[in-house]
Structure formats: structure tokens, C-alpha cells
Amino acid sequence: MNDAQHKLKALDASHILNTALDLAQEQDNWYDLSLVDLAARCGTSVNEIHRHFADTNAIADAWFAQALEAMLTAGDEAADNLPVKTRLEQIIWRWFEALSPYHSVTAQMLKSKLHPPHIHHWVPMIFDLSRLVQLWRDMAGLHMGGRRRQIEEIVLTGIFLVTLSAWCRDKSSQQAQSHSRLLSLLEKAEQSGQF
């Protein structure tokens, strides 16, 4: 087996994702990331990249899926004894922390997904957000049904969107300002009896 064949065989989705993130960070431009440039950086062909990812949006989806996996990892076993507000803060912030190493690139990915001509990306994002909210409720021990559940879903969705918007623009170290915003929003929701 020659070196080129070995390199192609060793290529996997994780390597492509990490290379795409690094390349976009160097260029400070996710929107114009080229699969041709990515293939060249990976030392492979566009066809090989396409076997793993149909386009850059699929690469972005893989990045968000990785953050979801990090969010779902087991936290502190004593978390069950913590207040709901604290559990929610830990769970939600784990998602943001997973994305933090490529903060600027992640913000650009979201902006690209929301670009007006990309309407086909909007509906999947709505469903992804709904699934995230359901996971947060479940992991935080919020198991009420009916109207109470609807209120919790609306409140958590609002808290997340406000925090996400702040996080995308946050230039503070480790997005500390956004973290404080999340804590404040959760505190207000708890005080007003919304969960």
C-alpha cells in the first residue's frame, strides 16, 4: 500500500471535522469554507470528503452533534440533589463549553444556517432546538405535563435563544458574560415559579 492509499484509508469523519474547524478558524470565515481547500488540507479528494459530508452544513451539524454528546456526558453524581436552576445551568452551559474552542467559527456556522436563502436549514434547526429543550427538561428532572410543560418549554427556549445570541457576540474570557446572563435568566425564571 503506497502512502496516498494509506492516507485515504486513515481519513475519517472526525479528522475532516477537526480539519474544517481549524481551516475556518485560520481563515476566520466559515461561510466561504471550500470543500476543495478542505480536501487539499486533508490530503485527499473532494469525493472522499463528500463520502462523509454532503456539504459544509453537514460538517456544521456534526460539530453541533459533538456538542450535544458532550452535554449528555454524565455530570456530577450529586447533581440530583441540586436545585433545578443549578442543574439546568450545568447542563446548558456544558453545551456552550463544548463549542467554546471554536467560538467564532460556531457563531459563523449559526449565521450561515440563518442566512435568508438557506430556508431549508431553518426547519431542522427548530426541531433540533425542540429536542435540546426536551433533553434539558428530562435531565434536570422537570417531568410535569400539560400546561406546566408548555410553560417550561417556552421559558427554556427563550432563555436559550437569549443566551445563544449573547454568546455569539461575547468577547469576554470563556464567554463569562454569557454565562452570567444564563445564570441571571434562570434565577429570574425560578423566582417567578416558571420551573
Protein backbone atom coordinates (compact mmCIF):
# COMPACT_ATOMS: atom_id res chain seq x y z
CA MET A 1 0.00 0.00 0.00
CA ASN A 2 1.51 3.34 -1.02
CA ASP A 3 1.41 6.49 1.15
CA ALA A 4 -1.54 8.05 -0.72
CA GLN A 5 -3.68 4.93 -0.27
CA HIS A 6 -2.74 4.74 3.42
CA LYS A 7 -3.68 8.41 3.94
CA LEU A 8 -7.08 7.91 2.29
CA LYS A 9 -7.78 4.82 4.34
CA ALA A 10 -6.91 6.60 7.61
CA LEU A 11 -9.22 9.52 6.83
CA ASP A 12 -12.40 9.58 8.91
CA ALA A 13 -15.25 11.98 9.66
CA SER A 14 -13.62 13.18 12.89
CA HIS A 15 -10.41 14.12 11.07
CA ILE A 16 -12.37 16.01 8.40
CA LEU A 17 -14.42 17.86 11.02
CA ASN A 18 -11.36 18.90 13.03
CA THR A 19 -9.52 20.00 9.89
CA ALA A 20 -12.55 22.02 8.72
CA LEU A 21 -12.77 23.77 12.08
CA ASP A 22 -9.07 24.59 12.07
CA LEU A 23 -9.18 25.85 8.48
CA ALA A 24 -12.26 28.02 9.11
CA GLN A 25 -10.65 29.42 12.26
CA GLU A 26 -7.47 30.30 10.36
CA GLN A 27 -9.48 31.99 7.61
CA ASP A 28 -11.98 33.43 10.12
CA ASN A 29 -14.67 32.60 7.59
CA TRP A 30 -16.95 29.58 7.85
CA TYR A 31 -19.38 30.79 5.19
CA ASP A 32 -16.82 30.60 2.39
CA LEU A 33 -15.14 27.38 3.51
CA SER A 34 -14.34 25.44 0.34
CA LEU A 35 -14.55 21.66 0.14
CA VAL A 36 -11.70 21.84 -2.40
CA ASP A 37 -9.50 23.66 0.13
CA LEU A 38 -10.60 21.26 2.85
CA ALA A 39 -9.74 18.24 0.70
CA ALA A 40 -6.33 19.71 -0.07
CA ARG A 41 -5.69 20.35 3.65
CA CYS A 42 -6.74 16.76 4.44
CA GLY A 43 -4.56 15.43 1.64
CA THR A 44 -7.47 13.76 -0.10
CA SER A 45 -10.13 14.33 -2.76
CA VAL A 46 -13.42 16.22 -2.64
CA ASN A 47 -15.09 12.89 -3.39
CA GLU A 48 -13.59 11.41 -0.20
CA ILE A 49 -14.82 14.42 1.81
CA HIS A 50 -18.26 14.04 0.22
CA ARG A 51 -18.41 10.38 1.29
CA HIS A 52 -18.55 11.66 4.87
CA PHE A 53 -20.21 15.07 4.48
CA ALA A 54 -22.54 16.26 1.72
CA ASP A 55 -21.58 19.90 2.29
CA THR A 56 -20.29 22.34 4.89
CA ASN A 57 -23.71 22.42 6.57
CA ALA A 58 -23.36 18.69 7.25
CA ILE A 59 -19.96 19.40 8.80
CA ALA A 60 -21.56 22.08 11.00
CA ASP A 61 -24.25 19.57 12.01
CA ALA A 62 -21.52 17.13 13.05
CA TRP A 63 -19.93 19.86 15.19
CA PHE A 64 -23.24 20.54 16.96
CA ALA A 65 -23.82 16.79 17.38
CA GLN A 66 -20.44 16.59 19.11
CA ALA A 67 -21.51 19.39 21.48
CA LEU A 68 -24.73 17.51 22.19
CA GLU A 69 -22.74 14.40 23.05
CA ALA A 70 -20.57 16.43 25.44
CA MET A 71 -23.69 17.88 27.03
CA LEU A 72 -25.10 14.40 27.58
CA THR A 73 -22.00 13.06 29.29
CA ALA A 74 -22.52 12.18 32.90
CA GLY A 75 -22.06 15.10 35.21
CA ASP A 76 -21.62 15.15 38.95
CA GLU A 77 -23.46 12.21 40.53
CA ALA A 78 -24.62 14.57 43.28
CA ALA A 79 -26.45 16.69 40.69
CA ASP A 80 -29.76 15.05 41.62
CA ASN A 81 -29.58 16.85 44.96
CA LEU A 82 -29.04 20.26 43.37
CA PRO A 83 -31.81 22.81 42.71
CA VAL A 84 -33.39 22.63 39.24
CA LYS A 85 -31.90 26.02 38.33
CA THR A 86 -28.38 24.75 39.06
CA ARG A 87 -28.94 21.51 37.16
CA LEU A 88 -30.22 23.43 34.14
CA GLU A 89 -27.27 25.83 34.27
CA GLN A 90 -24.77 22.96 34.34
CA ILE A 91 -26.46 21.04 31.53
CA ILE A 92 -26.98 24.03 29.21
CA TRP A 93 -23.55 25.51 29.83
CA ARG A 94 -21.88 22.16 29.07
CA TRP A 95 -23.24 22.54 25.53
CA PHE A 96 -21.76 26.03 25.22
CA GLU A 97 -18.44 24.91 26.71
CA ALA A 98 -18.16 22.13 24.14
CA LEU A 99 -18.48 24.74 21.35
CA SER A 100 -16.19 27.28 23.01
CA PRO A 101 -12.86 26.14 21.47
CA TYR A 102 -14.21 27.32 18.09
CA HIS A 103 -16.41 30.12 19.40
CA SER A 104 -16.10 32.47 16.43
CA VAL A 105 -16.45 29.66 13.87
CA THR A 106 -19.53 28.33 15.68
CA ALA A 107 -21.15 31.77 15.61
CA GLN A 108 -20.42 31.95 11.88
CA MET A 109 -21.96 28.50 11.37
CA LEU A 110 -25.18 29.64 13.05
CA LYS A 111 -25.24 32.83 11.00
CA SER A 112 -24.77 30.77 7.83
CA LYS A 113 -27.65 28.48 8.80
CA LEU A 114 -29.88 31.54 9.36
CA HIS A 115 -28.90 33.20 6.07
CA PRO A 116 -32.22 34.08 4.32
CA PRO A 117 -31.58 31.93 1.21
CA HIS A 118 -30.93 28.94 3.49
CA ILE A 119 -34.57 28.40 4.46
CA HIS A 120 -34.04 24.64 4.11
CA HIS A 121 -31.80 24.83 7.21
CA TRP A 122 -34.39 26.59 9.37
CA VAL A 123 -36.86 23.76 9.94
CA PRO A 124 -34.20 21.24 11.06
CA MET A 125 -32.87 23.87 13.47
CA ILE A 126 -36.33 24.26 15.01
CA PHE A 127 -36.59 20.51 15.55
CA ASP A 128 -33.04 20.36 16.94
CA LEU A 129 -33.88 23.15 19.41
CA SER A 130 -37.05 21.36 20.47
CA ARG A 131 -35.08 18.17 21.13
CA LEU A 132 -32.49 20.12 23.13
CA VAL A 133 -35.19 21.66 25.31
CA GLN A 134 -36.76 18.25 25.94
CA LEU A 135 -33.37 16.83 26.93
CA TRP A 136 -32.76 19.71 29.35
CA ARG A 137 -36.15 19.22 30.97
CA ASP A 138 -35.60 15.49 31.32
CA MET A 139 -32.03 15.77 32.62
CA ALA A 140 -33.00 18.49 35.10
CA GLY A 141 -35.87 16.41 36.46
CA LEU A 142 -38.71 18.52 35.07
CA HIS A 143 -41.36 15.89 34.38
CA MET A 144 -44.63 17.81 34.60
CA GLY A 145 -47.12 17.55 31.76
CA GLY A 146 -49.89 19.68 30.30
CA ARG A 147 -49.80 23.44 30.59
CA ARG A 148 -46.89 23.36 33.04
CA ARG A 149 -44.76 21.53 30.48
CA GLN A 150 -45.67 24.05 27.78
CA ILE A 151 -44.62 26.94 30.04
CA GLU A 152 -41.30 25.25 30.87
CA GLU A 153 -40.62 24.62 27.17
CA ILE A 154 -41.37 28.22 26.20
CA VAL A 155 -39.31 29.64 29.08
CA LEU A 156 -36.30 27.36 28.42
CA THR A 157 -36.43 28.08 24.69
CA GLY A 158 -36.42 31.81 25.40
CA ILE A 159 -33.59 31.54 27.91
CA PHE A 160 -31.53 29.53 25.45
CA LEU A 161 -32.10 31.88 22.49
CA VAL A 162 -31.23 34.97 24.53
CA THR A 163 -28.11 33.26 25.90
CA LEU A 164 -27.11 31.96 22.46
CA SER A 165 -27.45 35.42 20.94
CA ALA A 166 -25.29 36.90 23.71
CA TRP A 167 -22.79 34.02 23.47
CA CYS A 168 -22.28 34.52 19.73
CA ARG A 169 -21.23 38.15 20.34
CA ASP A 170 -19.39 37.56 23.64
CA LYS A 171 -15.73 38.55 23.56
CA SER A 172 -15.15 38.02 27.30
CA SER A 173 -12.82 35.28 28.51
CA GLN A 174 -14.54 31.89 28.15
CA GLN A 175 -17.74 33.81 27.36
CA ALA A 176 -18.12 34.62 31.07
CA GLN A 177 -20.62 37.41 30.36
CA SER A 178 -22.95 34.97 28.58
CA HIS A 179 -22.61 32.52 31.43
CA SER A 180 -23.65 35.26 33.87
CA ARG A 181 -26.58 36.08 31.59
CA LEU A 182 -27.70 32.45 31.61
CA LEU A 183 -27.49 32.32 35.41
CA SER A 184 -29.48 35.54 35.73
CA LEU A 185 -32.22 34.33 33.36
CA LEU A 186 -32.52 31.01 35.16
CA GLU A 187 -32.65 32.79 38.52
CA LYS A 188 -35.48 35.05 37.33
CA ALA A 189 -37.41 32.09 35.91
CA GLU A 190 -37.03 30.19 39.17
CA GLN A 191 -38.07 33.17 41.28
CA SER A 192 -41.18 33.68 39.16
CA GLY A 193 -42.11 30.00 39.57
CA GLN A 194 -41.70 29.08 35.90
CA PHE A 195 -39.96 25.83 36.86
